[in-house]
Amino acid sequence: MTAAILLWAVAAAQTMLAAAMGCSAYRLIRGPRAQDRVLCLDAMYVSAMLLVLTVGIRTGSSIYFEAALIISVLGFVSSIALAKFLMRGEVIE
């Protein structure tokens, strides 16, 4: 019974994360300013990372956890680069 509850909970989490990515994609397209679009990209990479983690939990494979780590690091670096670009107009000084 515990495995069935875990499977149901992971499926529900994946559905909610997919809905969150859909809402973020809508705001990304609809966002009035560049800052809104950067914030939506941040939300999307966090949702994508968590979605990969839930797939890893469901399958029991450790490769998904490494992929989630790569997504999080690349997302963080890209957020910093976009924020710096929006503030100064250039990324590399």
Foldseek 3Di string as FASTA:
>chain_A
DVVVVLVVVLVVLLVVLVVQLVVLVVCLVVPPDVVSNLVSLLSNLVSVLVNLVSVCVVVVDCVSPVVSVVSVVVSVVVSVQSVVCVVPVHRDD
